PDB file of N, CA and C in Angstrom:
ATOM      1  N   MET A   1    -129.166-202.856  41.962  1.00  0.00           N
ATOM      2  CA  MET A   1    -129.318-204.185  41.387  1.00  0.00           C
ATOM      3  C   MET A   1    -130.798-204.539  41.361  1.00  0.00           C
ATOM      4  N   THR A   2    -131.246-205.097  40.281  1.00  0.00           N
ATOM      5  CA  THR A   2    -132.636-205.534  40.193  1.00  0.00           C
ATOM      6  C   THR A   2    -132.725-207.018  40.505  1.00  0.00           C
ATOM      7  N   ALA A   3    -133.882-207.425  40.953  1.00  0.00           N
ATOM      8  CA  ALA A   3    -134.107-208.846  41.243  1.00  0.00           C
ATOM      9  C   ALA A   3    -134.077-209.627  39.940  1.00  0.00           C
ATOM     10  N   ARG A   4    -133.469-210.806  39.987  1.00  0.00           N
ATOM     11  CA  ARG A   4    -133.379-211.638  38.791  1.00  0.00           C
ATOM     12  C   ARG A   4    -133.825-213.049  39.099  1.00  0.00           C
ATOM     13  N   THR A   5    -134.532-213.630  38.163  1.00  0.00           N
ATOM     14  CA  THR A   5    -134.958-215.018  38.322  1.00  0.00           C
ATOM     15  C   THR A   5    -133.743-215.928  38.362  1.00  0.00           C
ATOM     16  N   CYS A   6    -133.764-216.875  39.283  1.00  0.00           N
ATOM     17  CA  CYS A   6    -132.658-217.820  39.433  1.00  0.00           C
ATOM     18  C   CYS A   6    -132.553-218.700  38.184  1.00  0.00           C
ATOM     19  N   PRO A   7    -131.342-218.925  37.682  1.00  0.00           N
ATOM     20  CA  PRO A   7    -131.197-219.782  36.506  1.00  0.00           C
ATOM     21  C   PRO A   7    -131.585-221.239  36.772  1.00  0.00           C
ATOM     22  N   ASP A   8    -131.660-221.639  38.029  1.00  0.00           N
ATOM     23  CA  ASP A   8    -132.057-223.004  38.381  1.00  0.00           C
ATOM     24  C   ASP A   8    -133.559-223.131  38.617  1.00  0.00           C
ATOM     25  N   TRP A   9    -134.342-222.157  38.154  1.00  0.00           N
ATOM     26  CA  TRP A   9    -135.780-222.172  38.447  1.00  0.00           C
ATOM     27  C   TRP A   9    -136.490-223.445  38.009  1.00  0.00           C
ATOM     28  N   PRO A  10    -136.123-224.100  36.894  1.00  0.00           N
ATOM     29  CA  PRO A  10    -136.864-225.331  36.546  1.00  0.00           C
ATOM     30  C   PRO A  10    -136.734-226.422  37.612  1.00  0.00           C
ATOM     31  N   GLN A  11    -135.508-226.603  38.144  1.00  0.00           N
ATOM     32  CA  GLN A  11    -135.301-227.609  39.188  1.00  0.00           C
ATOM     33  C   GLN A  11    -135.977-227.198  40.491  1.00  0.00           C
ATOM     34  N   LEU A  12    -135.916-225.921  40.807  1.00  0.00           N
ATOM     35  CA  LEU A  12    -136.529-225.434  42.043  1.00  0.00           C
ATOM     36  C   LEU A  12    -138.054-225.540  41.986  1.00  0.00           C
ATOM     37  N   MET A  13    -138.638-225.345  40.822  1.00  0.00           N
ATOM     38  CA  MET A  13    -140.096-225.469  40.681  1.00  0.00           C
ATOM     39  C   MET A  13    -140.549-226.910  40.881  1.00  0.00           C
ATOM     40  N   GLU A  14    -139.669-227.863  40.620  1.00  0.00           N
ATOM     41  CA  GLU A  14    -140.021-229.265  40.868  1.00  0.00           C
ATOM     42  C   GLU A  14    -140.206-229.524  42.361  1.00  0.00           C
ATOM     43  N   LEU A  15    -139.482-228.794  43.198  1.00  0.00           N
ATOM     44  CA  LEU A  15    -139.632-228.924  44.648  1.00  0.00           C
ATOM     45  C   LEU A  15    -140.951-228.332  45.121  1.00  0.00           C
ATOM     46  N   ASP A  16    -141.320-227.186  44.574  1.00  0.00           N
ATOM     47  CA  ASP A  16    -142.577-226.531  44.924  1.00  0.00           C
ATOM     48  C   ASP A  16    -142.875-225.478  43.864  1.00  0.00           C
ATOM     49  N   PRO A  17    -143.879-225.674  43.047  1.00  0.00           N
ATOM     50  CA  PRO A  17    -144.163-224.730  41.964  1.00  0.00           C
ATOM     51  C   PRO A  17    -144.643-223.360  42.445  1.00  0.00           C
ATOM     52  N   ASP A  18    -145.005-223.232  43.710  1.00  0.00           N
ATOM     53  CA  ASP A  18    -145.449-221.943  44.242  1.00  0.00           C
ATOM     54  C   ASP A  18    -144.286-221.019  44.590  1.00  0.00           C
ATOM     55  N   LEU A  19    -143.074-221.567  44.667  1.00  0.00           N
ATOM     56  CA  LEU A  19    -141.922-220.751  45.028  1.00  0.00           C
ATOM     57  C   LEU A  19    -141.332-220.081  43.792  1.00  0.00           C
ATOM     58  N   GLN A  20    -140.939-218.827  43.937  1.00  0.00           N
ATOM     59  CA  GLN A  20    -140.339-218.052  42.855  1.00  0.00           C
ATOM     60  C   GLN A  20    -138.992-217.521  43.336  1.00  0.00           C
ATOM     61  N   PHE A  21    -137.901-218.205  42.978  1.00  0.00           N
ATOM     62  CA  PHE A  21    -136.575-217.823  43.441  1.00  0.00           C
ATOM     63  C   PHE A  21    -135.971-216.749  42.554  1.00  0.00           C
ATOM     64  N   LYS A  22    -135.462-215.709  43.201  1.00  0.00           N
ATOM     65  CA  LYS A  22    -134.773-214.627  42.513  1.00  0.00           C
ATOM     66  C   LYS A  22    -133.508-214.296  43.281  1.00  0.00           C
ATOM     67  N   HIS A  23    -132.574-213.661  42.579  1.00  0.00           N
ATOM     68  CA  HIS A  23    -131.311-213.257  43.185  1.00  0.00           C
ATOM     69  C   HIS A  23    -131.409-211.793  43.615  1.00  0.00           C
ATOM     70  N   TYR A  24    -130.996-211.535  44.848  1.00  0.00           N
ATOM     71  CA  TYR A  24    -130.983-210.194  45.417  1.00  0.00           C
ATOM     72  C   TYR A  24    -129.658-209.970  46.127  1.00  0.00           C
ATOM     73  N   VAL A  25    -129.293-208.719  46.336  1.00  0.00           N
ATOM     74  CA  VAL A  25    -128.242-208.447  47.307  1.00  0.00           C
ATOM     75  C   VAL A  25    -128.949-208.450  48.652  1.00  0.00           C
ATOM     76  N   VAL A  26    -128.223-208.783  49.702  1.00  0.00           N
ATOM     77  CA  VAL A  26    -128.823-208.956  51.019  1.00  0.00           C
ATOM     78  C   VAL A  26    -129.570-207.707  51.479  1.00  0.00           C
ATOM     79  N   SER A  27    -129.067-206.533  51.161  1.00  0.00           N
ATOM     80  CA  SER A  27    -129.733-205.302  51.600  1.00  0.00           C
ATOM     81  C   SER A  27    -131.136-205.161  51.014  1.00  0.00           C
ATOM     82  N   GLU A  28    -131.417-205.788  49.890  1.00  0.00           N
ATOM     83  CA  GLU A  28    -132.747-205.747  49.280  1.00  0.00           C
ATOM     84  C   GLU A  28    -133.723-206.720  49.940  1.00  0.00           C
ATOM     85  N   ALA A  29    -133.206-207.759  50.559  1.00  0.00           N
ATOM     86  CA  ALA A  29    -134.041-208.860  51.039  1.00  0.00           C
ATOM     87  C   ALA A  29    -134.707-208.611  52.380  1.00  0.00           C
ATOM     88  N   GLN A  30    -134.311-207.596  53.111  1.00  0.00           N
ATOM     89  CA  GLN A  30    -134.890-207.281  54.413  1.00  0.00           C
ATOM     90  C   GLN A  30    -134.938-208.519  55.320  1.00  0.00           C
ATOM     91  N   LEU A  31    -133.765-209.081  55.550  1.00  0.00           N
ATOM     92  CA  LEU A  31    -133.640-210.271  56.388  1.00  0.00           C
ATOM     93  C   LEU A  31    -133.868-209.907  57.852  1.00  0.00           C
ATOM     94  N   PRO A  32    -134.188-210.905  58.677  1.00  0.00           N
ATOM     95  CA  PRO A  32    -134.422-210.626  60.097  1.00  0.00           C
ATOM     96  C   PRO A  32    -133.166-210.066  60.777  1.00  0.00           C
ATOM     97  N   ALA A  33    -133.381-209.175  61.732  1.00  0.00           N
ATOM     98  CA  ALA A  33    -132.273-208.545  62.450  1.00  0.00           C
ATOM     99  C   ALA A  33    -131.369-209.572  63.099  1.00  0.00           C
ATOM    100  N   GLU A  34    -131.946-210.657  63.625  1.00  0.00           N
ATOM    101  CA  GLU A  34    -131.127-211.686  64.262  1.00  0.00           C
ATOM    102  C   GLU A  34    -130.147-212.316  63.281  1.00  0.00           C
ATOM    103  N   ALA A  35    -130.550-212.474  62.021  1.00  0.00           N
ATOM    104  CA  ALA A  35    -129.654-213.024  61.003  1.00  0.00           C
ATOM    105  C   ALA A  35    -128.584-211.999  60.636  1.00  0.00           C
ATOM    106  N   LEU A  36    -128.980-210.758  60.475  1.00  0.00           N
ATOM    107  CA  LEU A  36    -128.011-209.718  60.124  1.00  0.00           C
ATOM    108  C   LEU A  36    -126.938-209.591  61.208  1.00  0.00           C
ATOM    109  N   ALA A  37    -127.326-209.730  62.458  1.00  0.00           N
ATOM    110  CA  ALA A  37    -126.378-209.631  63.565  1.00  0.00           C
ATOM    111  C   ALA A  37    -125.381-210.790  63.561  1.00  0.00           C
ATOM    112  N   ARG A  38    -125.754-211.917  62.999  1.00  0.00           N
ATOM    113  CA  ARG A  38    -124.869-213.099  62.953  1.00  0.00           C
ATOM    114  C   ARG A  38    -123.864-213.063  61.819  1.00  0.00           C
ATOM    115  N   MET A  39    -124.065-212.195  60.858  1.00  0.00           N
ATOM    116  CA  MET A  39    -123.155-212.149  59.712  1.00  0.00           C
ATOM    117  C   MET A  39    -121.841-211.534  60.133  1.00  0.00           C
ATOM    118  N   SER A  40    -120.766-212.229  59.815  1.00  0.00           N
ATOM    119  CA  SER A  40    -119.451-211.801  60.283  1.00  0.00           C
ATOM    120  C   SER A  40    -118.945-210.548  59.574  1.00  0.00           C
ATOM    121  N   SER A  41    -118.668-210.651  58.308  1.00  0.00           N
ATOM    122  CA  SER A  41    -118.055-209.510  57.621  1.00  0.00           C
ATOM    123  C   SER A  41    -118.732-209.197  56.294  1.00  0.00           C
ATOM    124  N   ALA A  42    -119.915-209.685  56.126  1.00  0.00           N
ATOM    125  CA  ALA A  42    -120.604-209.504  54.846  1.00  0.00           C
ATOM    126  C   ALA A  42    -121.032-208.051  54.653  1.00  0.00           C
ATOM    127  N   SER A  43    -120.744-207.514  53.490  1.00  0.00           N
ATOM    128  CA  SER A  43    -121.247-206.199  53.115  1.00  0.00           C
ATOM    129  C   SER A  43    -122.623-206.413  52.500  1.00  0.00           C
ATOM    130  N   LEU A  44    -123.643-205.894  53.149  1.00  0.00           N
ATOM    131  CA  LEU A  44    -125.019-206.175  52.744  1.00  0.00           C
ATOM    132  C   LEU A  44    -125.347-205.732  51.320  1.00  0.00           C
ATOM    133  N   GLY A  45    -124.588-204.819  50.779  1.00  0.00           N
ATOM    134  CA  GLY A  45    -124.821-204.360  49.419  1.00  0.00           C
ATOM    135  C   GLY A  45    -124.056-205.134  48.370  1.00  0.00           C
ATOM    136  N   GLU A  46    -123.263-206.123  48.807  1.00  0.00           N
ATOM    137  CA  GLU A  46    -122.433-206.872  47.864  1.00  0.00           C
ATOM    138  C   GLU A  46    -122.728-208.359  47.831  1.00  0.00           C
ATOM    139  N   VAL A  47    -123.083-208.959  48.961  1.00  0.00           N
ATOM    140  CA  VAL A  47    -123.315-210.400  48.980  1.00  0.00           C
ATOM    141  C   VAL A  47    -124.730-210.715  48.530  1.00  0.00           C
ATOM    142  N   GLU A  48    -124.888-211.885  47.921  1.00  0.00           N
ATOM    143  CA  GLU A  48    -126.167-212.254  47.324  1.00  0.00           C
ATOM    144  C   GLU A  48    -126.898-213.336  48.095  1.00  0.00           C
ATOM    145  N   ILE A  49    -128.201-213.299  47.910  1.00  0.00           N
ATOM    146  CA  ILE A  49    -129.091-214.347  48.399  1.00  0.00           C
ATOM    147  C   ILE A  49    -130.010-214.713  47.248  1.00  0.00           C
ATOM    148  N   CYS A  50    -130.246-215.994  47.103  1.00  0.00           N
ATOM    149  CA  CYS A  50    -131.199-216.513  46.134  1.00  0.00           C
ATOM    150  C   CYS A  50    -132.377-217.006  46.963  1.00  0.00           C
ATOM    151  N   CYS A  51    -133.550-216.402  46.767  1.00  0.00           N
ATOM    152  CA  CYS A  51    -134.647-216.729  47.667  1.00  0.00           C
ATOM    153  C   CYS A  51    -136.010-216.415  47.081  1.00  0.00           C
ATOM    154  N   ASP A  52    -137.016-216.930  47.763  1.00  0.00           N
ATOM    155  CA  ASP A  52    -138.401-216.538  47.563  1.00  0.00           C
ATOM    156  C   ASP A  52    -138.738-215.670  48.772  1.00  0.00           C
ATOM    157  N   LEU A  53    -138.843-214.363  48.573  1.00  0.00           N
ATOM    158  CA  LEU A  53    -139.067-213.437  49.678  1.00  0.00           C
ATOM    159  C   LEU A  53    -140.420-213.647  50.353  1.00  0.00           C
ATOM    160  N   ASP A  54    -141.436-213.998  49.589  1.00  0.00           N
ATOM    161  CA  ASP A  54    -142.779-214.151  50.160  1.00  0.00           C
ATOM    162  C   ASP A  54    -142.894-215.342  51.101  1.00  0.00           C
ATOM    163  N   HIS A  55    -142.168-216.414  50.800  1.00  0.00           N
ATOM    164  CA  HIS A  55    -142.265-217.638  51.598  1.00  0.00           C
ATOM    165  C   HIS A  55    -141.084-217.834  52.554  1.00  0.00           C
ATOM    166  N   HIS A  56    -140.101-216.914  52.498  1.00  0.00           N
ATOM    167  CA  HIS A  56    -138.916-216.979  53.373  1.00  0.00           C
ATOM    168  C   HIS A  56    -138.140-218.284  53.181  1.00  0.00           C
ATOM    169  N   VAL A  57    -137.852-218.584  51.922  1.00  0.00           N
ATOM    170  CA  VAL A  57    -137.107-219.786  51.558  1.00  0.00           C
ATOM    171  C   VAL A  57    -135.888-219.347  50.747  1.00  0.00           C
ATOM    172  N   PHE A  58    -134.703-219.869  51.111  1.00  0.00           N
ATOM    173  CA  PHE A  58    -133.501-219.519  50.372  1.00  0.00           C
ATOM    174  C   PHE A  58    -132.848-220.762  49.771  1.00  0.00           C
ATOM    175  N   ASN A  59    -132.137-220.537  48.683  1.00  0.00           N
ATOM    176  CA  ASN A  59    -131.402-221.589  47.986  1.00  0.00           C
ATOM    177  C   ASN A  59    -129.938-221.468  48.399  1.00  0.00           C
ATOM    178  N   PRO A  60    -129.438-222.376  49.257  1.00  0.00           N
ATOM    179  CA  PRO A  60    -128.064-222.247  49.739  1.00  0.00           C
ATOM    180  C   PRO A  60    -127.016-222.390  48.641  1.00  0.00           C
ATOM    181  N   GLY A  61    -127.369-223.037  47.541  1.00  0.00           N
ATOM    182  CA  GLY A  61    -126.422-223.188  46.438  1.00  0.00           C
ATOM    183  C   GLY A  61    -126.083-221.893  45.746  1.00  0.00           C
ATOM    184  N   HIS A  62    -126.959-220.900  45.838  1.00  0.00           N
ATOM    185  CA  HIS A  62    -126.729-219.609  45.196  1.00  0.00           C
ATOM    186  C   HIS A  62    -126.724-218.471  46.210  1.00  0.00           C
ATOM    187  N   THR A  63    -126.556-218.801  47.479  1.00  0.00           N
ATOM    188  CA  THR A  63    -126.548-217.797  48.543  1.00  0.00           C
ATOM    189  C   THR A  63    -125.188-217.787  49.209  1.00  0.00           C
ATOM    190  N   ASP A  64    -124.682-216.603  49.505  1.00  0.00           N
ATOM    191  CA  ASP A  64    -123.426-216.475  50.217  1.00  0.00           C
ATOM    192  C   ASP A  64    -123.467-217.360  51.463  1.00  0.00           C
ATOM    193  N   SER A  65    -122.406-218.107  51.710  1.00  0.00           N
ATOM    194  CA  SER A  65    -122.402-219.075  52.813  1.00  0.00           C
ATOM    195  C   SER A  65    -122.579-218.406  54.180  1.00  0.00           C
ATOM    196  N   ASP A  66    -122.046-217.208  54.358  1.00  0.00           N
ATOM    197  CA  ASP A  66    -122.218-216.474  55.614  1.00  0.00           C
ATOM    198  C   ASP A  66    -123.698-216.122  55.823  1.00  0.00           C
ATOM    199  N   VAL A  67    -124.366-215.753  54.762  1.00  0.00           N
ATOM    200  CA  VAL A  67    -125.793-215.411  54.829  1.00  0.00           C
ATOM    201  C   VAL A  67    -126.614-216.666  55.140  1.00  0.00           C
ATOM    202  N   ALA A  68    -126.328-217.755  54.438  1.00  0.00           N
ATOM    203  CA  ALA A  68    -127.063-219.005  54.663  1.00  0.00           C
ATOM    204  C   ALA A  68    -126.920-219.465  56.105  1.00  0.00           C
ATOM    205  N   GLU A  69    -125.711-219.403  56.635  1.00  0.00           N
ATOM    206  CA  GLU A  69    -125.489-219.815  58.021  1.00  0.00           C
ATOM    207  C   GLU A  69    -126.233-218.894  58.988  1.00  0.00           C
ATOM    208  N   ALA A  70    -126.248-217.614  58.721  1.00  0.00           N
ATOM    209  CA  ALA A  70    -126.934-216.653  59.588  1.00  0.00           C
ATOM    210  C   ALA A  70    -128.450-216.874  59.601  1.00  0.00           C
ATOM    211  N   LEU A  71    -128.999-217.386  58.505  1.00  0.00           N
ATOM    212  CA  LEU A  71    -130.447-217.608  58.433  1.00  0.00           C
ATOM    213  C   LEU A  71    -130.896-218.864  59.167  1.00  0.00           C
ATOM    214  N   ARG A  72    -129.989-219.777  59.443  1.00  0.00           N
ATOM    215  CA  ARG A  72    -130.356-220.997  60.161  1.00  0.00           C
ATOM    216  C   ARG A  72    -130.830-220.632  61.564  1.00  0.00           C
ATOM    217  N   GLY A  73    -131.924-221.210  61.983  1.00  0.00           N
ATOM    218  CA  GLY A  73    -132.480-220.902  63.295  1.00  0.00           C
ATOM    219  C   GLY A  73    -133.431-219.715  63.295  1.00  0.00           C
ATOM    220  N   THR A  74    -133.658-219.117  62.121  1.00  0.00           N
ATOM    221  CA  THR A  74    -134.653-218.050  62.008  1.00  0.00           C
ATOM    222  C   THR A  74    -135.912-218.658  61.378  1.00  0.00           C
ATOM    223  N   HIS A  75    -136.861-217.813  61.032  1.00  0.00           N
ATOM    224  CA  HIS A  75    -138.083-218.302  60.385  1.00  0.00           C
ATOM    225  C   HIS A  75    -137.883-218.559  58.887  1.00  0.00           C
ATOM    226  N   TRP A  76    -136.656-218.404  58.386  1.00  0.00           N
ATOM    227  CA  TRP A  76    -136.346-218.696  56.998  1.00  0.00           C
ATOM    228  C   TRP A  76    -136.004-220.173  56.846  1.00  0.00           C
ATOM    229  N   TYR A  77    -136.342-220.743  55.690  1.00  0.00           N
ATOM    230  CA  TYR A  77    -136.079-222.146  55.392  1.00  0.00           C
ATOM    231  C   TYR A  77    -135.039-222.288  54.291  1.00  0.00           C
ATOM    232  N   ASP A  78    -134.144-223.229  54.458  1.00  0.00           N
ATOM    233  CA  ASP A  78    -133.294-223.717  53.379  1.00  0.00           C
ATOM    234  C   ASP A  78    -134.260-224.463  52.453  1.00  0.00           C
ATOM    235  N   VAL A  79    -134.149-224.331  51.151  1.00  0.00           N
ATOM    236  CA  VAL A  79    -135.097-224.953  50.225  1.00  0.00           C
ATOM    237  C   VAL A  79    -135.171-226.468  50.418  1.00  0.00           C
ATOM    238  N   ARG A  80    -134.060-227.091  50.794  1.00  0.00           N
ATOM    239  CA  ARG A  80    -134.076-228.541  51.025  1.00  0.00           C
ATOM    240  C   ARG A  80    -134.911-228.874  52.251  1.00  0.00           C
ATOM    241  N   GLU A  81    -134.797-228.057  53.291  1.00  0.00           N
ATOM    242  CA  GLU A  81    -135.611-228.240  54.496  1.00  0.00           C
ATOM    243  C   GLU A  81    -137.088-227.991  54.179  1.00  0.00           C
ATOM    244  N   TRP A  82    -137.361-226.952  53.412  1.00  0.00           N
ATOM    245  CA  TRP A  82    -138.727-226.610  53.008  1.00  0.00           C
ATOM    246  C   TRP A  82    -139.397-227.804  52.333  1.00  0.00           C
ATOM    247  N   ALA A  83    -138.650-228.438  51.440  1.00  0.00           N
ATOM    248  CA  ALA A  83    -139.214-229.519  50.626  1.00  0.00           C
ATOM    249  C   ALA A  83    -139.317-230.850  51.367  1.00  0.00           C
ATOM    250  N   THR A  84    -138.525-231.046  52.425  1.00  0.00           N
ATOM    251  CA  THR A  84    -138.535-232.341  53.096  1.00  0.00           C
ATOM    252  C   THR A  84    -139.246-232.345  54.439  1.00  0.00           C
ATOM    253  N   SER A  85    -139.034-231.313  55.254  1.00  0.00           N
ATOM    254  CA  SER A  85    -139.646-231.301  56.580  1.00  0.00           C
ATOM    255  C   SER A  85    -140.377-230.007  56.899  1.00  0.00           C
ATOM    256  N   GLY A  86    -140.326-229.041  56.003  1.00  0.00           N
ATOM    257  CA  GLY A  86    -140.987-227.760  56.222  1.00  0.00           C
ATOM    258  C   GLY A  86    -142.360-227.710  55.576  1.00  0.00           C
ATOM    259  N   PRO A  87    -142.882-226.507  55.419  1.00  0.00           N
ATOM    260  CA  PRO A  87    -144.223-226.340  54.848  1.00  0.00           C
ATOM    261  C   PRO A  87    -144.403-226.911  53.445  1.00  0.00           C
ATOM    262  N   GLY A  88    -143.331-227.038  52.677  1.00  0.00           N
ATOM    263  CA  GLY A  88    -143.439-227.577  51.337  1.00  0.00           C
ATOM    264  C   GLY A  88    -143.416-229.088  51.279  1.00  0.00           C
ATOM    265  N   ALA A  89    -143.245-229.759  52.401  1.00  0.00           N
ATOM    266  CA  ALA A  89    -143.126-231.220  52.426  1.00  0.00           C
ATOM    267  C   ALA A  89    -144.385-231.926  51.945  1.00  0.00           C
ATOM    268  N   ASN A  90    -145.528-231.268  52.083  1.00  0.00           N
ATOM    269  CA  ASN A  90    -146.765-231.891  51.632  1.00  0.00           C
ATOM    270  C   ASN A  90    -147.035-231.667  50.143  1.00  0.00           C
ATOM    271  N   GLY A  91    -146.075-231.017  49.458  1.00  0.00           N
ATOM    272  CA  GLY A  91    -146.206-230.834  48.015  1.00  0.00           C
ATOM    273  C   GLY A  91    -146.835-229.530  47.607  1.00  0.00           C
ATOM    274  N   SER A  92    -147.222-228.714  48.568  1.00  0.00           N
ATOM    275  CA  SER A  92    -147.818-227.424  48.255  1.00  0.00           C
ATOM    276  C   SER A  92    -147.531-226.458  49.378  1.00  0.00           C
ATOM    277  N   SER A  93    -147.222-225.215  49.025  1.00  0.00           N
ATOM    278  CA  SER A  93    -146.967-224.199  50.035  1.00  0.00           C
ATOM    279  C   SER A  93    -148.162-223.294  50.232  1.00  0.00           C
ATOM    280  N   SER A  94    -149.326-223.720  49.760  1.00  0.00           N
ATOM    281  CA  SER A  94    -150.507-222.860  49.832  1.00  0.00           C
ATOM    282  C   SER A  94    -150.909-222.535  51.258  1.00  0.00           C
ATOM    283  N   ASN A  95    -150.512-223.346  52.237  1.00  0.00           N
ATOM    284  CA  ASN A  95    -150.846-223.072  53.619  1.00  0.00           C
ATOM    285  C   ASN A  95    -149.753-222.282  54.326  1.00  0.00           C
ATOM    286  N   ALA A  96    -148.657-221.994  53.651  1.00  0.00           N
ATOM    287  CA  ALA A  96    -147.542-221.311  54.275  1.00  0.00           C
ATOM    288  C   ALA A  96    -147.775-219.805  54.273  1.00  0.00           C
ATOM    289  N   ALA A  97    -147.183-219.164  55.249  1.00  0.00           N
ATOM    290  CA  ALA A  97    -147.294-217.701  55.318  1.00  0.00           C
ATOM    291  C   ALA A  97    -146.146-217.042  54.633  1.00  0.00           C
TER     292      ALA A  97
END
């Protein structure tokens, strides 16, 4: 599977224009081991995540719910958290790693 731009990119760019959301299968995203260990029965080659890999931000609306739940408490941000209380809250992610 190749990475694909999220169809909701116009709305997501309004939250932070530096973020580039694409759809991946989880095995492509190289998620943290702690998140992978929390996933109950997800087949990493079949379930999807919509995310910006460089900024570690995921879109829960287009991400498998098991994956989204597993990412909570890691260094990954839900896009809503990113935009309101995370690094994107100031309107720019230029200082984010």
